[in-house]
Protein backbone atom coordinates (compact mmCIF):
# COMPACT_ATOMS: atom_id res chain seq x y z
CA ARG A 1 82.06 89.16 122.08
CA ASP A 2 81.45 91.45 120.19
CA SER A 3 80.46 91.45 116.86
CA ILE A 4 82.51 93.53 113.80
CA TYR A 5 79.77 95.80 112.77
CA SER A 6 79.02 96.49 117.23
CA THR A 7 82.95 96.87 116.91
CA VAL A 8 83.59 99.61 113.96
CA TYR A 9 81.24 101.07 113.53
CA LYS A 10 80.83 104.98 115.41
CA ILE A 11 78.87 107.87 114.53
CA ILE A 12 81.44 111.13 115.11
CA PRO A 13 80.20 114.71 115.49
CA THR A 14 82.14 117.05 113.29
CA THR A 15 82.83 121.02 115.06
CA ALA A 16 83.15 123.78 113.00
CA ASP A 17 86.91 123.87 114.25
CA ALA A 18 87.53 120.45 112.52
CA ALA A 19 85.56 121.40 109.39
CA ILE A 20 88.03 124.43 108.76
CA GLU A 21 90.96 123.19 110.42
CA SER A 22 90.25 120.94 107.20
CA LEU A 23 90.34 123.67 104.64
CA TYR A 24 94.48 125.04 106.12
CA ASN A 25 95.76 121.21 106.66
CA ASP A 26 98.36 120.17 104.19
CA VAL A 27 95.81 117.25 102.77
CA LYS A 28 94.11 117.68 99.93
CA ASP A 29 90.33 116.39 99.45
CA PHE A 30 88.05 118.65 101.88
CA GLU A 31 86.25 115.51 102.65
CA ASP A 32 89.70 113.17 103.43
CA SER A 33 90.73 116.27 105.34
CA LEU A 34 87.18 116.24 107.49
CA GLN A 35 87.13 113.14 108.36
CA ILE A 36 90.58 113.37 109.11
CA VAL A 37 90.67 115.65 110.85
CA ALA A 38 87.07 114.50 113.04
CA ALA A 39 89.02 111.47 113.26
CA GLU A 40 91.25 112.44 115.31
CA GLU A 41 88.86 114.71 117.12
CA ALA A 42 86.39 111.37 118.37
CA MET A 43 90.49 109.92 119.17
CA CYS A 44 89.23 107.23 117.62
CA ASP A 45 91.04 104.07 117.15
CA VAL A 46 91.68 103.25 113.71
CA ILE A 47 90.26 105.19 110.14
CA ILE A 48 88.79 102.16 107.64
CA THR A 49 89.06 102.80 104.23
CA PHE A 50 89.36 101.58 100.51
CA ASN A 51 91.48 104.20 99.59
CA LYS A 52 94.50 104.71 102.28
CA ARG A 53 96.62 106.40 99.90
CA ASP A 54 93.69 109.53 100.07
CA PHE A 55 95.05 109.02 104.74
CA GLU A 56 98.54 108.88 104.96
CA LEU A 57 98.55 112.23 106.23
CA SER A 58 96.43 110.91 109.11
CA LYS A 59 97.89 109.80 112.26
CA VAL A 60 95.32 107.61 112.96
CA PRO A 61 95.75 104.71 112.42
CA VAL A 62 94.24 103.21 108.84
CA PHE A 63 92.92 100.06 107.08
CA THR A 64 91.45 98.51 103.84
CA PRO A 65 88.66 96.33 105.10
CA GLU A 66 89.86 93.83 104.58
CA GLN A 67 92.95 94.18 106.79
CA MET A 68 90.77 95.47 109.68
CA CYS A 69 88.98 92.14 109.26
CA GLU A 70 92.18 90.08 109.83
CA ILE A 71 93.00 92.14 113.18
CA TRP A 72 90.12 92.23 114.18
CA ARG A 73 89.48 87.77 113.45
CA ARG A 74 92.80 87.63 115.00
CA GLU A 75 91.77 89.27 118.26
CA ASN A 76 88.31 87.59 118.74
CA ARG A 77 89.92 84.36 118.79
């Protein structure tokens, strides 16, 4: 059984294309936009954040840490 840390920890490199795309989408905050585009490029399963509102336009599902912990607990019983 994996720990939650080994399950969710991933470093995602960002490409120049992702940075450019982040400038021209509908997400107002550049850093949030960059995280969304990078997560999509890396085919991440989820984005975990304390502020889900900033990620409403994400195609990648977004969860709070509490929500993700609960999902992980249910799936690893």
